[in-house]
Amino acid sequence: MAHAHESNKKRIWIVLILLTLITTVEVAFGIIKPASLHLTSFLGTSPLNWIFIILTLVKAYYIAWAFMHLEGETKWLRRSVVWTAVFLISYLVTLLLIEGGYLHSTLAPLVKW
């Protein structure tokens, strides 16, 4: 029983370190905002925004994998949870980029950015 307890402690520390590293990278990019990533456009938004979106999805996936215990479930249950979330988040991001681009082009003559 003590062995299982130790492996759980180790697993929690690994999850904490991984999530801390990803968050640190996100915060560093948010503070620094490299011009090459921030002032260019790729697929409707800047590469910096794509980095934030991808890192956030990685964190969300890892949190679900570790804390919702998806690694112990059947393959099809894991796929149904993960792919449903991936589809819905991708759909939301697509709609936000389309609507944001429309609003920006419509309001550009009226608003000083």
N, C-alpha and C. Protein backbone atom coordinates (compact mmCIF):
# COMPACT_ATOMS: atom_id res chain seq x y z
N MET A 1 0.82 -1.19 0.00
CA MET A 1 0.00 0.00 0.00
C MET A 1 0.86 1.25 0.00
N ALA A 2 1.99 1.22 0.69
CA ALA A 2 2.86 2.39 0.74
C ALA A 2 3.46 2.67 -0.64
N HIS A 3 3.68 1.62 -1.42
CA HIS A 3 4.24 1.80 -2.76
C HIS A 3 3.28 2.58 -3.65
N ALA A 4 2.00 2.28 -3.57
CA ALA A 4 1.00 3.01 -4.36
C ALA A 4 0.95 4.48 -3.93
N HIS A 5 1.09 4.70 -2.62
CA HIS A 5 1.08 6.07 -2.11
C HIS A 5 2.27 6.86 -2.64
N GLU A 6 3.44 6.24 -2.67
CA GLU A 6 4.63 6.92 -3.18
C GLU A 6 4.49 7.22 -4.66
N SER A 7 3.95 6.31 -5.45
CA SER A 7 3.82 6.55 -6.88
C SER A 7 2.80 7.67 -7.14
N ASN A 8 1.77 7.76 -6.30
CA ASN A 8 0.81 8.85 -6.45
C ASN A 8 1.46 10.19 -6.14
N LYS A 9 2.29 10.23 -5.11
CA LYS A 9 3.00 11.46 -4.78
C LYS A 9 3.92 11.86 -5.93
N LYS A 10 4.63 10.90 -6.47
CA LYS A 10 5.53 11.17 -7.60
C LYS A 10 4.75 11.67 -8.80
N ARG A 11 3.62 11.07 -9.07
CA ARG A 11 2.78 11.46 -10.20
C ARG A 11 2.25 12.88 -10.02
N ILE A 12 1.84 13.22 -8.83
CA ILE A 12 1.34 14.58 -8.56
C ILE A 12 2.46 15.59 -8.76
N TRP A 13 3.67 15.28 -8.32
CA TRP A 13 4.78 16.20 -8.52
C TRP A 13 5.12 16.36 -10.00
N ILE A 14 5.05 15.27 -10.74
CA ILE A 14 5.32 15.35 -12.19
C ILE A 14 4.28 16.22 -12.87
N VAL A 15 3.01 16.03 -12.52
CA VAL A 15 1.94 16.85 -13.09
C VAL A 15 2.13 18.31 -12.71
N LEU A 16 2.46 18.57 -11.46
CA LEU A 16 2.68 19.94 -11.01
C LEU A 16 3.84 20.59 -11.77
N ILE A 17 4.93 19.88 -11.92
CA ILE A 17 6.09 20.44 -12.64
C ILE A 17 5.76 20.70 -14.09
N LEU A 18 5.08 19.76 -14.75
CA LEU A 18 4.74 19.95 -16.16
C LEU A 18 3.80 21.13 -16.36
N LEU A 19 2.75 21.22 -15.55
CA LEU A 19 1.81 22.32 -15.67
C LEU A 19 2.46 23.66 -15.32
N THR A 20 3.38 23.66 -14.35
CA THR A 20 4.10 24.88 -14.00
C THR A 20 5.00 25.33 -15.15
N LEU A 21 5.68 24.39 -15.79
CA LEU A 21 6.54 24.74 -16.93
C LEU A 21 5.73 25.33 -18.09
N ILE A 22 4.61 24.71 -18.41
CA ILE A 22 3.78 25.21 -19.50
C ILE A 22 3.24 26.60 -19.16
N THR A 23 2.78 26.78 -17.92
CA THR A 23 2.27 28.08 -17.51
C THR A 23 3.37 29.13 -17.53
N THR A 24 4.57 28.77 -17.10
CA THR A 24 5.70 29.70 -17.13
C THR A 24 6.01 30.14 -18.55
N VAL A 25 5.98 29.21 -19.49
CA VAL A 25 6.22 29.55 -20.90
C VAL A 25 5.13 30.51 -21.40
N GLU A 26 3.87 30.22 -21.04
CA GLU A 26 2.78 31.11 -21.45
C GLU A 26 2.94 32.51 -20.88
N VAL A 27 3.25 32.60 -19.61
CA VAL A 27 3.42 33.91 -18.97
C VAL A 27 4.62 34.64 -19.57
N ALA A 28 5.72 33.94 -19.81
CA ALA A 28 6.90 34.57 -20.40
C ALA A 28 6.58 35.13 -21.78
N PHE A 29 5.89 34.34 -22.62
CA PHE A 29 5.49 34.84 -23.94
C PHE A 29 4.53 36.01 -23.82
N GLY A 30 3.65 35.97 -22.82
CA GLY A 30 2.72 37.08 -22.62
C GLY A 30 3.40 38.36 -22.20
N ILE A 31 4.47 38.26 -21.44
CA ILE A 31 5.21 39.44 -21.00
C ILE A 31 6.12 39.95 -22.11
N ILE A 32 6.85 39.04 -22.75
CA ILE A 32 7.84 39.44 -23.75
C ILE A 32 7.19 39.84 -25.07
N LYS A 33 6.20 39.10 -25.52
CA LYS A 33 5.52 39.32 -26.80
C LYS A 33 6.50 39.59 -27.94
N PRO A 34 7.21 38.57 -28.39
CA PRO A 34 8.16 38.78 -29.48
C PRO A 34 7.45 39.33 -30.72
N ALA A 35 8.04 40.34 -31.34
CA ALA A 35 7.41 40.98 -32.49
C ALA A 35 7.21 40.00 -33.64
N SER A 36 8.14 39.06 -33.81
CA SER A 36 8.01 38.10 -34.90
C SER A 36 6.79 37.19 -34.72
N LEU A 37 6.37 36.98 -33.49
CA LEU A 37 5.20 36.14 -33.22
C LEU A 37 3.93 36.96 -33.03
N HIS A 38 4.08 38.19 -32.60
CA HIS A 38 2.93 39.00 -32.22
C HIS A 38 2.39 39.86 -33.37
N LEU A 39 3.27 40.36 -34.22
CA LEU A 39 2.86 41.32 -35.25
C LEU A 39 2.64 40.69 -36.62
N THR A 40 2.73 39.38 -36.72
CA THR A 40 2.46 38.69 -37.98
C THR A 40 1.12 37.98 -37.88
N SER A 41 0.65 37.46 -39.01
CA SER A 41 -0.64 36.80 -39.02
C SER A 41 -0.50 35.40 -39.62
N PHE A 42 -1.18 34.45 -39.01
CA PHE A 42 -1.18 33.07 -39.49
C PHE A 42 -2.54 32.47 -39.18
N LEU A 43 -3.26 32.06 -40.22
CA LEU A 43 -4.60 31.46 -40.08
C LEU A 43 -5.55 32.34 -39.26
N GLY A 44 -5.54 33.62 -39.53
CA GLY A 44 -6.51 34.51 -38.92
C GLY A 44 -6.09 35.19 -37.64
N THR A 45 -4.97 34.79 -37.07
CA THR A 45 -4.49 35.44 -35.84
C THR A 45 -2.97 35.32 -35.79
N SER A 46 -2.38 35.88 -34.78
CA SER A 46 -0.92 35.86 -34.69
C SER A 46 -0.44 34.48 -34.23
N PRO A 47 0.79 34.12 -34.62
CA PRO A 47 1.35 32.86 -34.14
C PRO A 47 1.44 32.81 -32.61
N LEU A 48 1.58 33.96 -31.97
CA LEU A 48 1.62 33.99 -30.51
C LEU A 48 0.29 33.50 -29.92
N ASN A 49 -0.82 33.93 -30.53
CA ASN A 49 -2.12 33.45 -30.07
C ASN A 49 -2.26 31.95 -30.30
N TRP A 50 -1.75 31.46 -31.43
CA TRP A 50 -1.81 30.01 -31.68
C TRP A 50 -0.99 29.25 -30.63
N ILE A 51 0.15 29.80 -30.23
CA ILE A 51 0.95 29.16 -29.19
C ILE A 51 0.16 29.10 -27.89
N PHE A 52 -0.51 30.21 -27.53
CA PHE A 52 -1.33 30.22 -26.31
C PHE A 52 -2.46 29.19 -26.40
N ILE A 53 -3.13 29.12 -27.54
CA ILE A 53 -4.24 28.18 -27.71
C ILE A 53 -3.75 26.75 -27.58
N ILE A 54 -2.65 26.43 -28.25
CA ILE A 54 -2.12 25.05 -28.22
C ILE A 54 -1.63 24.68 -26.83
N LEU A 55 -0.91 25.57 -26.17
CA LEU A 55 -0.43 25.26 -24.80
C LEU A 55 -1.59 25.11 -23.83
N THR A 56 -2.63 25.91 -23.99
CA THR A 56 -3.80 25.78 -23.12
C THR A 56 -4.50 24.45 -23.36
N LEU A 57 -4.60 24.03 -24.61
CA LEU A 57 -5.20 22.72 -24.90
C LEU A 57 -4.36 21.58 -24.33
N VAL A 58 -3.04 21.71 -24.41
CA VAL A 58 -2.17 20.69 -23.82
C VAL A 58 -2.38 20.60 -22.30
N LYS A 59 -2.47 21.75 -21.66
CA LYS A 59 -2.72 21.75 -20.21
C LYS A 59 -4.07 21.13 -19.89
N ALA A 60 -5.10 21.49 -20.65
CA ALA A 60 -6.44 20.95 -20.39
C ALA A 60 -6.45 19.42 -20.59
N TYR A 61 -5.79 18.96 -21.64
CA TYR A 61 -5.72 17.53 -21.89
C TYR A 61 -4.99 16.82 -20.76
N TYR A 62 -3.87 17.37 -20.32
CA TYR A 62 -3.09 16.71 -19.27
C TYR A 62 -3.83 16.72 -17.94
N ILE A 63 -4.55 17.79 -17.66
CA ILE A 63 -5.35 17.84 -16.43
C ILE A 63 -6.43 16.76 -16.47
N ALA A 64 -7.11 16.65 -17.61
CA ALA A 64 -8.14 15.61 -17.75
C ALA A 64 -7.51 14.22 -17.66
N TRP A 65 -6.37 14.03 -18.28
CA TRP A 65 -5.70 12.74 -18.29
C TRP A 65 -5.28 12.34 -16.86
N ALA A 66 -4.73 13.29 -16.12
CA ALA A 66 -4.18 12.95 -14.80
C ALA A 66 -5.23 12.99 -13.70
N PHE A 67 -6.03 14.07 -13.65
CA PHE A 67 -6.91 14.27 -12.50
C PHE A 67 -8.31 13.71 -12.70
N MET A 68 -8.71 13.49 -13.94
CA MET A 68 -9.99 12.84 -14.18
C MET A 68 -9.79 11.35 -14.43
N HIS A 69 -8.54 10.89 -14.29
CA HIS A 69 -8.17 9.47 -14.37
C HIS A 69 -8.55 8.85 -15.71
N LEU A 70 -8.37 9.59 -16.79
CA LEU A 70 -8.69 9.03 -18.10
C LEU A 70 -7.70 7.95 -18.54
N GLU A 71 -6.49 7.96 -17.99
CA GLU A 71 -5.51 6.96 -18.41
C GLU A 71 -5.94 5.56 -18.00
N GLY A 72 -6.82 5.43 -17.02
CA GLY A 72 -7.28 4.12 -16.57
C GLY A 72 -8.56 3.65 -17.23
N GLU A 73 -9.12 4.46 -18.09
CA GLU A 73 -10.39 4.11 -18.74
C GLU A 73 -10.15 3.36 -20.05
N THR A 74 -11.24 2.87 -20.62
CA THR A 74 -11.12 2.17 -21.89
C THR A 74 -10.76 3.15 -23.00
N LYS A 75 -10.20 2.60 -24.07
CA LYS A 75 -9.73 3.43 -25.18
C LYS A 75 -10.87 4.25 -25.78
N TRP A 76 -12.04 3.67 -25.93
CA TRP A 76 -13.13 4.38 -26.59
C TRP A 76 -13.74 5.46 -25.72
N LEU A 77 -13.75 5.27 -24.41
CA LEU A 77 -14.21 6.33 -23.52
C LEU A 77 -13.25 7.51 -23.55
N ARG A 78 -11.94 7.21 -23.52
CA ARG A 78 -10.94 8.28 -23.62
C ARG A 78 -11.11 9.05 -24.92
N ARG A 79 -11.25 8.33 -26.01
CA ARG A 79 -11.41 8.98 -27.32
C ARG A 79 -12.67 9.82 -27.38
N SER A 80 -13.77 9.32 -26.83
CA SER A 80 -15.01 10.09 -26.88
C SER A 80 -14.91 11.37 -26.07
N VAL A 81 -14.25 11.34 -24.93
CA VAL A 81 -14.08 12.54 -24.12
C VAL A 81 -13.13 13.51 -24.80
N VAL A 82 -11.98 13.02 -25.22
CA VAL A 82 -10.95 13.90 -25.79
C VAL A 82 -11.40 14.47 -27.14
N TRP A 83 -11.90 13.65 -28.04
CA TRP A 83 -12.25 14.15 -29.37
C TRP A 83 -13.46 15.06 -29.36
N THR A 84 -14.39 14.82 -28.44
CA THR A 84 -15.51 15.74 -28.30
C THR A 84 -15.01 17.11 -27.85
N ALA A 85 -14.14 17.13 -26.87
CA ALA A 85 -13.58 18.40 -26.40
C ALA A 85 -12.76 19.07 -27.49
N VAL A 86 -11.95 18.31 -28.22
CA VAL A 86 -11.14 18.89 -29.30
C VAL A 86 -12.04 19.49 -30.37
N PHE A 87 -13.09 18.80 -30.75
CA PHE A 87 -14.00 19.32 -31.77
C PHE A 87 -14.68 20.60 -31.28
N LEU A 88 -15.21 20.58 -30.07
CA LEU A 88 -15.93 21.76 -29.57
C LEU A 88 -15.00 22.97 -29.39
N ILE A 89 -13.80 22.75 -28.89
CA ILE A 89 -12.86 23.85 -28.72
C ILE A 89 -12.41 24.38 -30.07
N SER A 90 -12.15 23.49 -31.03
CA SER A 90 -11.77 23.92 -32.38
C SER A 90 -12.89 24.72 -33.03
N TYR A 91 -14.11 24.29 -32.85
CA TYR A 91 -15.26 25.00 -33.39
C TYR A 91 -15.38 26.39 -32.76
N LEU A 92 -15.21 26.47 -31.44
CA LEU A 92 -15.27 27.75 -30.74
C LEU A 92 -14.17 28.69 -31.21
N VAL A 93 -12.95 28.19 -31.33
CA VAL A 93 -11.83 29.02 -31.79
C VAL A 93 -12.08 29.51 -33.20
N THR A 94 -12.58 28.66 -34.07
CA THR A 94 -12.88 29.06 -35.45
C THR A 94 -13.93 30.17 -35.48
N LEU A 95 -15.00 29.99 -34.74
CA LEU A 95 -16.03 31.03 -34.71
C LEU A 95 -15.52 32.34 -34.13
N LEU A 96 -14.72 32.26 -33.08
CA LEU A 96 -14.17 33.48 -32.49
C LEU A 96 -13.25 34.20 -33.45
N LEU A 97 -12.44 33.46 -34.20
CA LEU A 97 -11.55 34.10 -35.17
C LEU A 97 -12.32 34.72 -36.32
N ILE A 98 -13.36 34.05 -36.79
CA ILE A 98 -14.16 34.60 -37.90
C ILE A 98 -14.88 35.85 -37.44
N GLU A 99 -15.56 35.79 -36.30
CA GLU A 99 -16.30 36.93 -35.81
C GLU A 99 -15.37 38.08 -35.40
N GLY A 100 -14.24 37.74 -34.79
CA GLY A 100 -13.29 38.77 -34.41
C GLY A 100 -12.72 39.49 -35.62
N GLY A 101 -12.43 38.75 -36.68
CA GLY A 101 -11.95 39.37 -37.91
C GLY A 101 -13.00 40.26 -38.54
N TYR A 102 -14.23 39.82 -38.52
CA TYR A 102 -15.32 40.64 -39.06
C TYR A 102 -15.49 41.93 -38.26
N LEU A 103 -15.52 41.81 -36.94
CA LEU A 103 -15.68 43.00 -36.10
C LEU A 103 -14.51 43.96 -36.26
N HIS A 104 -13.31 43.41 -36.37
CA HIS A 104 -12.14 44.28 -36.54
C HIS A 104 -12.22 45.03 -37.86
N SER A 105 -12.59 44.35 -38.93
CA SER A 105 -12.66 45.03 -40.23
C SER A 105 -13.84 46.00 -40.29
N THR A 106 -14.91 45.70 -39.59
CA THR A 106 -16.08 46.59 -39.59
C THR A 106 -15.85 47.82 -38.72
N LEU A 107 -15.24 47.64 -37.56
CA LEU A 107 -15.05 48.75 -36.63
C LEU A 107 -13.75 49.51 -36.84
N ALA A 108 -12.88 49.03 -37.74
CA ALA A 108 -11.57 49.68 -37.92
C ALA A 108 -11.66 51.16 -38.25
N PRO A 109 -12.62 51.60 -39.11
CA PRO A 109 -12.68 53.05 -39.36
C PRO A 109 -13.21 53.85 -38.18
N LEU A 110 -13.87 53.19 -37.23
CA LEU A 110 -14.51 53.91 -36.13
C LEU A 110 -13.73 53.91 -34.84
N VAL A 111 -12.82 52.96 -34.68
CA VAL A 111 -12.12 52.79 -33.41
C VAL A 111 -10.63 52.97 -33.62
N LYS A 112 -9.98 53.69 -32.73
CA LYS A 112 -8.53 53.81 -32.77
C LYS A 112 -7.95 52.66 -31.97
N TRP A 113 -7.26 51.75 -32.63
CA TRP A 113 -6.76 50.53 -31.99
C TRP A 113 -5.53 50.81 -31.21
